[in-house]
Amino acid sequence: MSKHNWRFGLTIVLIILAFVAFWHTFNLWTMSESEQADMQEKDPGGLLRLQQKAIRLGLDLQGGIHVVLRVKMEELEPGAREDAVERAIQIIRNRVDGLGVAEPMIQKQGNDRIIVDLPGYTDADRAEELIGQTALLEFKLLETIDNANLLLAKLDSVIHKYEQARSPEDASETASLTETESETPAVDSTELIGDDILAELMGDSMADSVEDPFAFDENIALDENEKPLSSRVIDLLQRDRTGTSWPAYVIAKQDREIVDRWLELPEVKEVMPIDVVFNWSTRPEIRNSREVYVLYLVKRKVQFLGKFLENISLGQDSYGGFTVNFQLSGDGAARFAQLTGANIDKPLAIVIDDKVESAPFINSKIRRNGQITMGGSASMKDARNLEIVLKAGALPAPVEIIEKNVVGATMGADSIKKGFYSSIFGLLIVLLYIGLYYRLSGLIADAGLLLNIFFLLAVMAALGATLTMPGIAGILLTVGISVDSNILIFERIREELRTGKTIRASIDAGYDRAFVAIFDSHVTTLITAGALFLLGSGPIKGFAVTLFWGVLISLYTAYVITKQVFDIRKSYSKLSI
């Protein structure tokens, strides 16, 4: 191989490598929407792998979801605030990976904010639930039905007095809502429970009140209008195999808002016992053709934490309902076995972020393998969501969504269409101008320019980069830089030919004298692109990536590929330029 032929051999190798890197992108971009939908149905894993190996389209090109979160640092201890955002980002990233989004962008903004972009994902509700959920999993016991109904009567009295004290207009509005749809459940006559057996076993106790928090004079008769809370109870959901009831009150969906308002009253909070709390079910369900929520009276004491769960996976129970299976080991297994063994035939509430997922009865002692039973209305997607958040873990602090935008697929398609046609139109004009003005030399420059674009797309595919509208702008700027390099070289060669030098001498002098100017301009552009990448975010980084690699490749095509062709032309008697 001669001293010049190495350029030809290196270029051939690079072209082959570029074809390999760009192959998956070519396959994906040439597939129709129906073909992609068919592959999604038959081989979703194969489609995902193809998307991951191809050039990914940004949020502005294919649509998706843009979310801005704020980490509630004020709810953390000062010592835990330092890396709270970074830990939250990692957990959110693990959750988003479970969604199968090809190229999510998750990054920190400021001191307490996180930006999440999910290109191509349009299920905003599910994304919001997964990303914003703290996912603190706790296992708690329910209060007994006797204490619960005594408390319910006590709250009825307090709420009734509150409503009576309101203005006549407000009172009449509330009175219209007090028509009962079912009878208040009967109170069982079982004895009140004494000391908490589990507290003694677990070595963890809660201070007892001096006065019985559930004490209430049962001899006070209240008519139907004086039972604003209990009159909204449709039924009791929880009944064990012995027929004993447990406080899981079924309440119509339309009554949830007013019940929530009552439970937040200061007067109600004052009479609420310190060791119990009302928690709603995670989602509504259908009972007797009505959409209802379940209101559980749960003991505040946490019996077991979800952080001990291992090997979390999706499953189904014997009735076909969805479950989330888990395993336990070491101290966690011993503690859970002690908990379940001491509370057989009692419901164990599975509480996630203060909402009860379900409250299944403990049938036997659970040592190492268990399952979280989903609510009756839970779908496959709900079970999958729970599996994802439990695998990723709980966020280090609560987060709130302060901005959420959904970019429609039609907007993304419109951006792609306009960007594609404008790029092709601009590129054709440049190629035509160079070809006409510099004749055969211009056609050589055009070939180098097309290889420049091809190499750039192949590099982006190999790096797993994301193509955005600013990235397309970077490609177009690269085209201009590449053309400028060729113009400098060609004009230098023309100047040398006008002085009467031979074609060989003119080509050598033209490339040598243009090198300094081209090298300086490319280096300064590379520095600018690097600064944009390091200091910019989102679309700015997309622009910086395409500009950086485009400039490097432009330098290669100008001084390796096109120079190889001009070296062959040195023996020509006439140079078309």
Protein backbone atom coordinates (compact mmCIF):
# COMPACT_ATOMS: atom_id res chain seq x y z
CA MET A 1 0.00 0.00 0.00
CA SER A 2 1.45 3.36 -1.04
CA LYS A 3 1.66 6.35 1.26
CA HIS A 4 -1.66 7.65 -0.12
CA ASN A 5 -3.62 4.41 -0.39
CA TRP A 6 -4.03 4.19 3.40
CA ARG A 7 -6.68 6.88 3.11
CA PHE A 8 -8.70 4.73 0.72
CA GLY A 9 -8.40 1.62 2.92
CA LEU A 10 -9.34 3.52 6.10
CA THR A 11 -12.35 5.09 4.40
CA ILE A 12 -13.63 1.70 3.20
CA VAL A 13 -13.35 0.29 6.74
CA LEU A 14 -15.17 3.30 8.20
CA ILE A 15 -17.96 3.02 5.60
CA ILE A 16 -18.48 -0.66 6.51
CA LEU A 17 -18.56 0.18 10.24
CA ALA A 18 -20.99 3.03 9.56
CA PHE A 19 -23.32 0.68 7.70
CA VAL A 20 -23.25 -1.73 10.65
CA ALA A 21 -23.96 1.05 13.16
CA PHE A 22 -26.74 2.58 11.05
CA TRP A 23 -28.42 -0.71 10.09
CA HIS A 24 -30.89 -0.82 13.00
CA THR A 25 -31.82 2.81 12.43
CA PHE A 26 -32.41 2.10 8.74
CA ASN A 27 -34.63 -0.88 9.63
CA LEU A 28 -36.67 1.12 12.13
CA TRP A 29 -37.06 4.24 9.97
CA THR A 30 -38.16 2.22 6.94
CA MET A 31 -40.83 0.30 8.88
CA SER A 32 -44.39 1.52 8.45
CA GLU A 33 -46.62 2.27 11.44
CA SER A 34 -48.61 -0.91 10.81
CA GLU A 35 -45.42 -2.99 10.71
CA GLN A 36 -44.26 -1.47 13.99
CA ALA A 37 -47.67 -2.10 15.58
CA ASP A 38 -47.57 -5.71 14.39
CA MET A 39 -44.06 -6.19 15.80
CA GLN A 40 -45.16 -4.58 19.07
CA GLU A 41 -47.87 -7.20 19.38
CA LYS A 42 -45.82 -10.23 18.33
CA ASP A 43 -42.36 -9.35 19.61
CA PRO A 44 -42.42 -6.29 21.92
CA GLY A 45 -38.96 -7.13 23.26
CA GLY A 46 -37.52 -7.22 19.75
CA LEU A 47 -39.05 -3.85 18.92
CA LEU A 48 -37.67 -2.35 22.11
CA ARG A 49 -34.19 -3.69 21.33
CA LEU A 50 -34.44 -2.25 17.81
CA GLN A 51 -35.47 1.14 19.22
CA GLN A 52 -32.62 1.09 21.71
CA LYS A 53 -30.03 0.38 18.99
CA ALA A 54 -31.42 2.93 16.52
CA ILE A 55 -31.14 6.70 16.63
CA ARG A 56 -33.71 7.83 19.15
CA LEU A 57 -36.06 10.69 18.43
CA GLY A 58 -36.43 13.38 21.05
CA LEU A 59 -39.58 14.61 22.75
CA ASP A 60 -40.09 17.35 20.16
CA LEU A 61 -40.03 14.86 17.26
CA GLN A 62 -42.08 11.88 18.43
CA GLY A 63 -44.17 13.39 21.21
CA GLY A 64 -44.23 12.24 24.81
CA ILE A 65 -44.43 13.60 28.34
CA HIS A 66 -42.46 16.38 30.02
CA VAL A 67 -42.64 16.49 33.83
CA VAL A 68 -40.96 18.81 36.33
CA LEU A 69 -40.82 17.53 39.94
CA ARG A 70 -39.92 19.32 43.15
CA VAL A 71 -38.38 17.31 45.95
CA LYS A 72 -39.88 18.46 49.27
CA MET A 73 -36.57 19.08 51.00
CA GLU A 74 -38.32 20.78 53.92
CA GLU A 75 -39.65 17.39 55.03
CA LEU A 76 -36.15 15.95 55.40
CA GLU A 77 -33.65 16.24 58.20
CA PRO A 78 -30.82 18.69 57.35
CA GLY A 79 -28.27 15.87 57.19
CA ALA A 80 -30.35 13.92 54.65
CA ARG A 81 -30.82 16.78 52.19
CA GLU A 82 -27.36 16.75 50.61
CA ASP A 83 -27.87 13.90 48.14
CA ALA A 84 -31.67 13.56 48.31
CA VAL A 85 -32.21 14.77 44.74
CA GLU A 86 -29.54 12.44 43.32
CA ARG A 87 -31.09 9.46 45.14
CA ALA A 88 -34.52 10.45 43.91
CA ILE A 89 -33.21 10.65 40.33
CA GLN A 90 -31.79 7.13 40.55
CA ILE A 91 -35.05 5.70 41.90
CA ILE A 92 -37.12 7.52 39.28
CA ARG A 93 -34.75 6.26 36.58
CA ASN A 94 -35.25 2.67 37.78
CA ARG A 95 -39.02 3.14 37.68
CA VAL A 96 -38.98 4.69 34.21
CA ASP A 97 -36.82 1.81 32.95
CA GLY A 98 -39.68 -0.48 33.92
CA LEU A 99 -41.96 1.41 31.55
CA GLY A 100 -39.80 0.44 28.58
CA VAL A 101 -39.25 4.02 27.38
CA ALA A 102 -36.42 3.87 24.85
CA GLU A 103 -34.60 7.09 25.74
CA PRO A 104 -35.84 8.89 28.84
CA MET A 105 -34.10 12.08 29.94
CA ILE A 106 -33.92 12.51 33.71
CA GLN A 107 -31.78 15.31 35.10
CA LYS A 108 -31.43 17.68 38.02
CA GLN A 109 -32.46 21.31 37.73
CA GLY A 110 -31.44 23.75 40.42
CA ASN A 111 -31.28 22.51 44.00
CA ASP A 112 -34.55 20.64 44.38
CA ARG A 113 -36.08 20.00 40.95
CA ILE A 114 -35.98 17.06 38.58
CA ILE A 115 -36.86 17.16 34.88
CA VAL A 116 -38.24 13.96 33.34
CA ASP A 117 -38.80 13.64 29.57
CA LEU A 118 -40.40 10.44 28.27
CA PRO A 119 -40.26 10.49 24.44
CA GLY A 120 -42.90 8.40 22.73
CA TYR A 121 -44.82 7.71 25.97
CA THR A 122 -48.35 9.11 26.10
CA ASP A 123 -49.98 7.53 29.18
CA ALA A 124 -49.75 10.67 31.32
CA ASP A 125 -51.74 9.32 34.28
CA ARG A 126 -49.61 6.19 34.64
CA ALA A 127 -46.39 8.16 34.26
CA GLU A 128 -47.50 10.65 36.90
CA GLU A 129 -48.45 7.85 39.29
CA LEU A 130 -45.13 6.04 38.87
CA ILE A 131 -42.87 9.09 38.93
CA GLY A 132 -44.56 11.07 41.68
CA GLN A 133 -45.40 8.22 44.03
CA THR A 134 -43.25 8.07 47.16
CA ALA A 135 -44.00 4.31 47.37
CA LEU A 136 -43.55 3.94 51.12
CA LEU A 137 -44.89 0.43 51.74
CA GLU A 138 -46.11 -0.39 55.25
CA PHE A 139 -48.02 -3.30 56.78
CA LYS A 140 -50.55 -2.34 59.48
CA LEU A 141 -53.36 -3.97 61.45
CA LEU A 142 -56.99 -2.84 61.39
CA GLU A 143 -58.84 -1.63 64.49
CA THR A 144 -61.62 -3.84 65.89
CA ILE A 145 -65.18 -3.27 64.70
CA ASP A 146 -66.38 -2.45 68.25
CA ASN A 147 -63.92 0.36 68.73
CA ALA A 148 -64.45 1.50 65.16
CA ASN A 149 -68.22 1.82 65.50
CA LEU A 150 -67.91 3.59 68.84
CA LEU A 151 -65.56 6.06 67.17
CA LEU A 152 -67.94 6.41 64.23
CA ALA A 153 -70.78 7.35 66.58
CA LYS A 154 -68.53 9.84 68.35
CA LEU A 155 -67.58 11.44 65.02
CA ASP A 156 -71.24 11.57 64.00
CA SER A 157 -71.95 13.69 67.06
CA VAL A 158 -69.03 16.05 66.43
CA ILE A 159 -69.78 16.47 62.71
CA HIS A 160 -73.50 16.97 63.43
CA LYS A 161 -72.71 19.81 65.86
CA TYR A 162 -70.34 21.36 63.33
CA GLU A 163 -72.95 21.29 60.58
CA GLN A 164 -75.59 22.71 62.91
CA ALA A 165 -73.30 25.64 63.76
CA ARG A 166 -72.73 26.56 60.13
CA SER A 167 -74.67 29.26 58.30
CA PRO A 168 -78.23 28.36 57.19
CA GLU A 169 -77.17 28.34 53.55
CA ASP A 170 -74.27 25.98 54.18
CA ALA A 171 -76.38 23.83 56.49
CA SER A 172 -79.15 23.45 53.93
CA GLU A 173 -76.59 22.50 51.29
CA THR A 174 -75.14 19.83 53.52
CA ALA A 175 -78.59 18.61 54.58
CA SER A 176 -79.40 17.80 50.97
CA LEU A 177 -76.48 15.40 50.97
CA THR A 178 -77.44 13.53 54.13
CA GLU A 179 -80.04 11.22 52.60
CA THR A 180 -78.83 7.72 53.37
CA GLU A 181 -78.62 5.02 50.74
CA SER A 182 -78.27 2.11 53.15
CA GLU A 183 -78.52 1.34 56.81
CA THR A 184 -75.60 1.78 59.18
CA PRO A 185 -73.94 -1.59 59.81
CA ALA A 186 -74.85 -3.29 63.04
CA VAL A 187 -72.34 -3.17 65.84
CA ASP A 188 -71.05 -6.56 66.94
CA SER A 189 -71.28 -7.37 70.62
CA THR A 190 -67.78 -8.83 70.94
CA GLU A 191 -65.64 -7.55 73.78
CA LEU A 192 -63.11 -4.78 73.21
CA ILE A 193 -59.60 -6.00 72.69
CA GLY A 194 -57.13 -5.46 75.46
CA ASP A 195 -53.42 -5.01 75.15
CA ASP A 196 -51.89 -5.31 71.69
CA ILE A 197 -50.39 -8.83 71.60
CA LEU A 198 -48.16 -7.96 68.66
CA ALA A 199 -46.70 -4.95 70.46
CA GLU A 200 -45.52 -7.25 73.22
CA LEU A 201 -44.08 -9.77 70.75
CA MET A 202 -42.32 -7.16 68.62
CA GLY A 203 -40.96 -5.24 71.59
CA ASP A 204 -42.49 -2.01 70.30
CA SER A 205 -45.31 -0.25 72.09
CA MET A 206 -47.33 2.94 71.81
CA ALA A 207 -48.19 5.09 74.79
CA ASP A 208 -51.72 4.40 76.01
CA SER A 209 -54.12 7.23 76.66
CA VAL A 210 -55.24 7.71 80.21
CA GLU A 211 -58.82 8.05 79.00
CA ASP A 212 -60.36 5.45 76.71
CA PRO A 213 -60.17 7.19 73.30
CA PHE A 214 -63.23 5.29 72.06
CA ALA A 215 -65.40 6.08 75.10
CA PHE A 216 -68.85 7.25 74.03
CA ASP A 217 -72.26 7.26 75.67
CA GLU A 218 -74.21 4.67 73.67
CA ASN A 219 -77.46 5.69 75.34
CA ILE A 220 -77.57 8.90 73.32
CA ALA A 221 -80.03 8.21 70.51
CA LEU A 222 -79.34 9.90 67.18
CA ASP A 223 -81.92 10.01 64.44
CA GLU A 224 -80.95 9.54 60.79
CA ASN A 225 -80.16 13.21 60.14
CA GLU A 226 -77.83 13.26 63.13
CA LYS A 227 -75.56 10.60 61.62
CA PRO A 228 -73.82 12.50 58.82
CA LEU A 229 -70.82 10.16 58.62
CA SER A 230 -72.26 6.72 59.38
CA SER A 231 -75.28 7.40 57.14
CA ARG A 232 -72.90 7.41 54.18
CA VAL A 233 -71.60 3.93 54.92
CA ILE A 234 -73.13 1.54 52.40
CA ASP A 235 -71.72 -1.71 53.72
CA LEU A 236 -68.83 -3.39 55.49
CA LEU A 237 -66.30 -4.96 53.14
CA GLN A 238 -64.16 -6.98 55.56
CA ARG A 239 -65.67 -10.12 57.12
CA ASP A 240 -63.47 -13.03 58.13
CA ARG A 241 -64.28 -16.74 57.85
CA THR A 242 -65.83 -16.73 61.33
CA GLY A 243 -68.27 -13.99 60.33
CA THR A 244 -66.55 -11.28 62.37
CA SER A 245 -66.62 -7.84 60.75
CA TRP A 246 -63.67 -5.46 60.46
CA PRO A 247 -63.73 -1.70 59.84
CA ALA A 248 -63.54 -1.41 56.07
CA TYR A 249 -66.44 0.89 55.29
CA VAL A 250 -67.84 0.99 51.75
CA ILE A 251 -68.66 4.57 50.73
CA ALA A 252 -70.07 5.83 47.44
CA LYS A 253 -67.57 7.62 45.22
CA GLN A 254 -69.62 10.83 45.16
CA ASP A 255 -69.54 10.97 48.97
CA ARG A 256 -65.77 10.76 49.24
CA GLU A 257 -65.21 14.51 48.91
CA ILE A 258 -67.52 15.47 51.78
CA VAL A 259 -66.22 12.64 54.00
CA ASP A 260 -62.68 13.83 53.34
CA ARG A 261 -63.69 17.36 54.31
CA TRP A 262 -65.24 16.15 57.56
CA LEU A 263 -62.22 14.04 58.52
CA GLU A 264 -59.96 17.09 58.07
CA LEU A 265 -61.98 19.24 60.48
CA PRO A 266 -60.02 20.36 63.58
CA GLU A 267 -62.94 19.24 65.76
CA VAL A 268 -62.73 15.74 64.28
CA LYS A 269 -58.95 15.55 64.65
CA GLU A 270 -59.26 16.48 68.32
CA VAL A 271 -61.46 13.47 69.11
CA MET A 272 -59.58 11.02 66.90
CA PRO A 273 -57.55 8.55 69.00
CA ILE A 274 -53.82 8.99 68.59
CA ASP A 275 -53.23 5.35 67.65
CA VAL A 276 -55.62 5.02 64.67
CA VAL A 277 -56.10 6.74 61.32
CA PHE A 278 -58.57 6.55 58.44
CA ASN A 279 -57.06 5.49 55.08
CA TRP A 280 -58.86 5.27 51.74
CA SER A 281 -58.46 2.41 49.31
CA THR A 282 -56.01 2.95 46.45
CA ARG A 283 -58.67 2.96 43.74
CA PRO A 284 -62.46 2.74 43.39
CA GLU A 285 -64.22 -0.54 42.72
CA ILE A 286 -67.66 -1.64 41.54
CA ARG A 287 -70.04 -3.11 44.14
CA ASN A 288 -73.69 -3.77 43.31
CA SER A 289 -73.35 -1.72 40.12
CA ARG A 290 -72.05 1.28 42.05
CA GLU A 291 -68.61 2.86 42.06
CA VAL A 292 -67.36 2.96 45.63
CA TYR A 293 -64.27 3.57 47.74
CA VAL A 294 -63.37 1.71 50.93
CA LEU A 295 -62.48 3.64 54.08
CA TYR A 296 -60.30 1.62 56.47
CA LEU A 297 -59.70 2.37 60.13
CA VAL A 298 -56.05 1.41 60.49
CA LYS A 299 -53.78 1.38 63.51
CA ARG A 300 -50.99 3.92 63.15
CA LYS A 301 -48.35 1.54 64.39
CA VAL A 302 -46.27 0.16 61.52
CA GLN A 303 -45.89 -3.59 61.94
CA PHE A 304 -43.59 -4.25 58.98
CA LEU A 305 -41.81 -2.16 56.32
CA GLY A 306 -41.68 -2.88 52.60
CA LYS A 307 -37.92 -2.35 52.46
CA PHE A 308 -37.45 -5.95 53.66
CA LEU A 309 -39.13 -7.40 50.57
CA GLU A 310 -36.92 -9.22 48.03
CA ASN A 311 -37.33 -10.88 44.61
CA ILE A 312 -40.50 -8.95 43.81
CA SER A 313 -42.43 -10.34 40.83
CA LEU A 314 -45.87 -10.28 39.22
CA GLY A 315 -48.24 -13.19 39.80
CA GLN A 316 -51.83 -14.37 40.07
CA ASP A 317 -53.82 -15.96 42.88
CA SER A 318 -56.06 -19.03 42.66
CA TYR A 319 -59.02 -16.86 41.67
CA GLY A 320 -57.22 -15.24 38.75
CA GLY A 321 -56.64 -11.95 40.55
CA PHE A 322 -53.32 -10.17 40.15
CA THR A 323 -50.75 -10.28 42.93
CA VAL A 324 -47.23 -9.07 43.59
CA ASN A 325 -45.16 -11.92 45.00
CA PHE A 326 -42.17 -11.41 47.26
CA GLN A 327 -39.61 -13.28 49.32
CA LEU A 328 -38.05 -12.55 52.70
CA SER A 329 -34.76 -13.54 54.23
CA GLY A 330 -32.84 -13.13 57.44
CA ASP A 331 -34.26 -10.78 60.06
CA GLY A 332 -37.08 -9.69 57.74
CA ALA A 333 -38.36 -13.26 57.41
CA ALA A 334 -38.28 -13.80 61.17
CA ARG A 335 -40.14 -10.56 61.89
CA PHE A 336 -42.81 -11.24 59.27
CA ALA A 337 -43.33 -14.78 60.54
CA GLN A 338 -43.77 -13.41 64.06
CA LEU A 339 -46.23 -10.79 62.81
CA THR A 340 -48.39 -13.18 60.80
CA GLY A 341 -48.22 -15.98 63.34
CA ALA A 342 -49.55 -13.72 66.11
CA ASN A 343 -52.43 -12.36 63.99
CA ILE A 344 -53.98 -15.34 62.19
CA ASP A 345 -57.54 -14.68 61.00
CA LYS A 346 -56.95 -10.92 61.24
CA PRO A 347 -56.71 -8.57 58.24
CA LEU A 348 -53.31 -7.06 57.50
CA ALA A 349 -53.56 -3.74 55.66
CA ILE A 350 -51.00 -3.19 52.90
CA VAL A 351 -50.56 0.59 52.93
CA ILE A 352 -48.72 2.48 50.18
CA ASP A 353 -48.35 6.23 50.69
CA ASP A 354 -51.26 6.29 53.16
CA LYS A 355 -53.58 4.41 50.80
CA VAL A 356 -54.66 0.82 51.41
CA GLU A 357 -53.90 -1.43 48.45
CA SER A 358 -55.72 -4.31 50.09
CA ALA A 359 -56.27 -5.85 53.52
CA PRO A 360 -56.18 -9.65 53.11
CA PHE A 361 -56.74 -11.96 56.04
CA ILE A 362 -53.79 -13.84 57.50
CA ASN A 363 -54.63 -17.53 57.10
CA SER A 364 -51.34 -18.93 58.40
CA LYS A 365 -47.86 -17.94 59.45
CA ILE A 366 -45.83 -16.58 56.51
CA ARG A 367 -42.12 -17.22 56.77
CA ARG A 368 -40.26 -16.59 53.52
CA ASN A 369 -42.69 -16.36 50.59
CA GLY A 370 -45.69 -14.07 50.50
CA GLN A 371 -47.83 -12.05 48.15
CA ILE A 372 -49.51 -8.68 48.07
CA THR A 373 -53.11 -9.20 47.03
CA MET A 374 -54.38 -6.45 44.76
CA GLY A 375 -57.81 -4.90 45.20
CA GLY A 376 -60.75 -6.43 43.35
CA SER A 377 -60.75 -3.66 40.73
CA ALA A 378 -57.00 -3.82 40.12
CA SER A 379 -55.88 -4.42 36.56
CA MET A 380 -52.73 -5.94 35.14
CA LYS A 381 -51.36 -2.42 34.71
CA ASP A 382 -52.00 -1.61 38.40
CA ALA A 383 -50.15 -4.75 39.49
CA ARG A 384 -47.30 -3.94 37.12
CA ASN A 385 -47.07 -0.40 38.51
CA LEU A 386 -46.84 -1.72 42.05
CA GLU A 387 -44.15 -4.20 41.02
CA ILE A 388 -42.11 -1.41 39.39
CA VAL A 389 -42.23 1.01 42.33
CA LEU A 390 -41.47 -1.70 44.89
CA LYS A 391 -38.49 -2.94 42.89
CA ALA A 392 -37.12 0.60 42.53
CA GLY A 393 -37.70 1.44 46.19
CA ALA A 394 -39.24 4.39 47.98
CA LEU A 395 -38.22 7.95 47.19
CA PRO A 396 -36.04 9.57 49.89
CA ALA A 397 -38.55 12.43 50.20
CA PRO A 398 -42.03 13.25 48.91
CA VAL A 399 -42.14 14.96 45.53
CA GLU A 400 -44.74 17.18 43.92
CA ILE A 401 -45.39 17.64 40.22
CA ILE A 402 -45.21 21.36 39.44
CA GLU A 403 -45.35 21.08 35.66
CA LYS A 404 -46.65 18.42 33.29
CA ASN A 405 -46.92 18.78 29.52
CA VAL A 406 -47.99 16.18 27.00
CA VAL A 407 -46.57 16.64 23.50
CA GLY A 408 -48.95 15.00 21.06
CA ALA A 409 -47.74 12.50 18.48
CA THR A 410 -49.28 14.64 15.73
CA MET A 411 -47.12 17.59 16.77
CA GLY A 412 -44.05 15.35 16.73
CA ALA A 413 -44.97 13.97 13.30
CA ASP A 414 -45.50 17.50 12.00
CA SER A 415 -42.08 18.54 13.33
CA ILE A 416 -40.43 15.54 11.68
CA LYS A 417 -42.15 16.23 8.36
CA LYS A 418 -41.27 19.91 8.27
CA GLY A 419 -37.74 19.34 9.53
CA PHE A 420 -37.15 16.55 7.02
CA TYR A 421 -38.39 18.48 3.99
CA SER A 422 -36.61 21.70 4.94
CA SER A 423 -33.35 19.81 5.49
CA ILE A 424 -33.63 17.97 2.17
CA PHE A 425 -34.50 21.20 0.36
CA GLY A 426 -31.56 23.08 1.88
CA LEU A 427 -29.17 20.20 1.22
CA LEU A 428 -30.21 19.91 -2.44
CA ILE A 429 -29.66 23.64 -3.01
CA VAL A 430 -26.18 23.44 -1.48
CA LEU A 431 -25.25 20.33 -3.49
CA LEU A 432 -26.55 21.88 -6.72
CA TYR A 433 -24.72 25.16 -6.16
CA ILE A 434 -21.39 23.49 -5.36
CA GLY A 435 -21.75 21.12 -8.31
CA LEU A 436 -22.49 23.92 -10.78
CA TYR A 437 -19.93 26.40 -9.49
CA TYR A 438 -16.95 24.04 -9.11
CA ARG A 439 -17.98 21.50 -11.77
CA LEU A 440 -16.32 18.08 -11.32
CA SER A 441 -14.49 19.24 -8.18
CA GLY A 442 -17.86 20.35 -6.81
CA LEU A 443 -19.32 16.88 -7.42
CA ILE A 444 -16.39 15.40 -5.47
CA ALA A 445 -17.14 17.82 -2.64
CA ASP A 446 -20.82 16.80 -2.78
CA ALA A 447 -19.87 13.14 -2.38
CA GLY A 448 -17.70 14.03 0.62
CA LEU A 449 -20.57 16.06 2.08
CA LEU A 450 -23.00 13.12 1.79
CA LEU A 451 -20.46 10.81 3.42
CA ASN A 452 -20.09 13.41 6.17
CA ILE A 453 -23.82 13.26 6.94
CA PHE A 454 -23.86 9.45 6.73
CA PHE A 455 -20.91 9.11 9.12
CA LEU A 456 -22.55 11.57 11.52
CA LEU A 457 -25.81 9.60 11.64
CA ALA A 458 -23.86 6.37 12.12
CA VAL A 459 -21.91 7.87 15.04
CA MET A 460 -25.15 9.05 16.65
CA ALA A 461 -26.62 5.56 16.28
CA ALA A 462 -23.50 3.93 17.74
CA LEU A 463 -23.50 6.33 20.72
CA GLY A 464 -27.24 5.91 21.35
CA ALA A 465 -27.72 9.66 20.92
CA THR A 466 -31.12 11.32 20.70
CA LEU A 467 -32.07 13.32 17.62
CA THR A 468 -34.02 16.50 18.32
CA MET A 469 -34.96 19.55 16.28
CA PRO A 470 -31.90 21.43 17.61
CA GLY A 471 -29.90 18.33 16.67
CA ILE A 472 -31.17 18.61 13.10
CA ALA A 473 -30.09 22.26 13.19
CA GLY A 474 -26.64 21.07 14.25
CA ILE A 475 -26.53 18.71 11.24
CA LEU A 476 -27.42 21.57 8.90
CA LEU A 477 -24.73 23.74 10.48
CA THR A 478 -22.28 20.89 9.93
CA VAL A 479 -23.22 20.90 6.25
CA GLY A 480 -22.35 24.59 6.09
CA ILE A 481 -19.01 24.05 7.84
CA SER A 482 -18.14 21.18 5.50
CA VAL A 483 -19.00 23.24 2.43
CA ASP A 484 -16.96 26.15 3.78
CA SER A 485 -13.90 23.89 4.16
CA ASN A 486 -14.17 22.73 0.55
CA ILE A 487 -14.64 26.29 -0.72
CA LEU A 488 -11.47 27.43 1.06
CA ILE A 489 -9.48 24.57 -0.48
CA PHE A 490 -10.89 25.03 -4.00
CA GLU A 491 -10.31 28.79 -4.01
CA ARG A 492 -6.70 28.25 -2.89
CA ILE A 493 -6.18 25.75 -5.72
CA ARG A 494 -7.68 28.23 -8.21
CA GLU A 495 -5.32 30.96 -7.02
CA GLU A 496 -2.31 28.69 -7.49
CA LEU A 497 -3.47 27.70 -10.98
CA ARG A 498 -3.77 31.39 -11.96
CA THR A 499 -0.09 31.93 -11.08
CA GLY A 500 0.84 29.33 -13.68
CA LYS A 501 1.72 26.44 -11.40
CA THR A 502 1.13 22.86 -12.46
CA ILE A 503 -1.97 20.96 -11.37
CA ARG A 504 0.09 18.84 -8.93
CA ALA A 505 1.73 21.90 -7.35
CA SER A 506 -1.55 23.79 -7.22
CA ILE A 507 -3.38 20.94 -5.42
CA ASP A 508 -0.57 20.51 -2.87
CA ALA A 509 -0.31 24.24 -2.22
CA GLY A 510 -4.09 24.67 -2.03
CA TYR A 511 -4.50 22.00 0.66
CA ASP A 512 -1.42 23.13 2.61
CA ARG A 513 -2.32 26.84 2.71
CA ALA A 514 -6.02 26.26 3.53
CA PHE A 515 -5.21 23.87 6.36
CA VAL A 516 -4.37 26.52 8.99
CA ALA A 517 -7.61 28.47 8.49
CA ILE A 518 -9.74 25.31 8.38
CA PHE A 519 -8.07 23.80 11.43
CA ASP A 520 -8.48 27.00 13.49
CA SER A 521 -12.16 27.38 12.62
CA HIS A 522 -12.89 23.74 13.40
CA VAL A 523 -11.06 23.80 16.75
CA THR A 524 -12.92 26.93 17.92
CA THR A 525 -16.23 25.33 16.89
CA LEU A 526 -15.32 22.15 18.78
CA ILE A 527 -14.57 24.20 21.91
CA THR A 528 -17.94 25.92 21.60
CA ALA A 529 -19.77 22.61 21.10
CA GLY A 530 -18.00 21.13 24.14
CA ALA A 531 -19.00 24.09 26.31
CA LEU A 532 -22.62 23.81 25.15
CA PHE A 533 -22.66 20.11 25.98
CA LEU A 534 -21.16 20.55 29.45
CA LEU A 535 -23.18 23.60 30.50
CA GLY A 536 -26.37 23.15 28.47
CA SER A 537 -29.30 20.85 29.05
CA GLY A 538 -31.92 19.01 27.01
CA PRO A 539 -32.17 20.27 23.41
CA ILE A 540 -28.96 22.32 23.76
CA LYS A 541 -27.02 19.12 24.38
CA GLY A 542 -28.60 17.56 21.28
CA PHE A 543 -27.37 20.49 19.21
CA ALA A 544 -23.89 20.27 20.78
CA VAL A 545 -23.54 16.52 20.09
CA THR A 546 -24.36 16.76 16.39
CA LEU A 547 -22.20 19.86 15.96
CA PHE A 548 -19.19 18.32 17.73
CA TRP A 549 -19.14 15.08 15.78
CA GLY A 550 -20.12 16.81 12.55
CA VAL A 551 -17.12 19.14 12.76
CA LEU A 552 -14.71 16.28 13.47
CA ILE A 553 -16.06 14.26 10.56
CA SER A 554 -15.95 17.33 8.30
CA LEU A 555 -12.23 17.65 8.98
CA TYR A 556 -11.76 13.99 8.08
CA THR A 557 -13.75 14.13 4.83
CA ALA A 558 -11.97 17.29 3.68
CA TYR A 559 -8.38 16.15 4.35
CA VAL A 560 -8.69 12.39 3.90
CA ILE A 561 -11.52 11.45 1.53
CA THR A 562 -11.59 14.35 -0.95
CA LYS A 563 -7.80 14.76 -0.79
CA GLN A 564 -7.42 11.12 -1.82
CA VAL A 565 -9.49 11.84 -4.93
CA PHE A 566 -7.49 15.01 -5.71
CA ASP A 567 -4.23 13.08 -5.33
CA ILE A 568 -5.45 10.83 -8.16
CA ARG A 569 -6.26 13.93 -10.25
CA LYS A 570 -2.73 15.34 -9.94
CA SER A 571 -1.75 13.52 -13.13
CA TYR A 572 -4.55 15.14 -15.14
CA SER A 573 -3.62 17.57 -17.90
CA LYS A 574 -6.64 19.76 -17.09
CA LEU A 575 -8.41 20.27 -13.76
CA SER A 576 -12.16 20.91 -13.71
CA ILE A 577 -12.58 23.33 -10.83
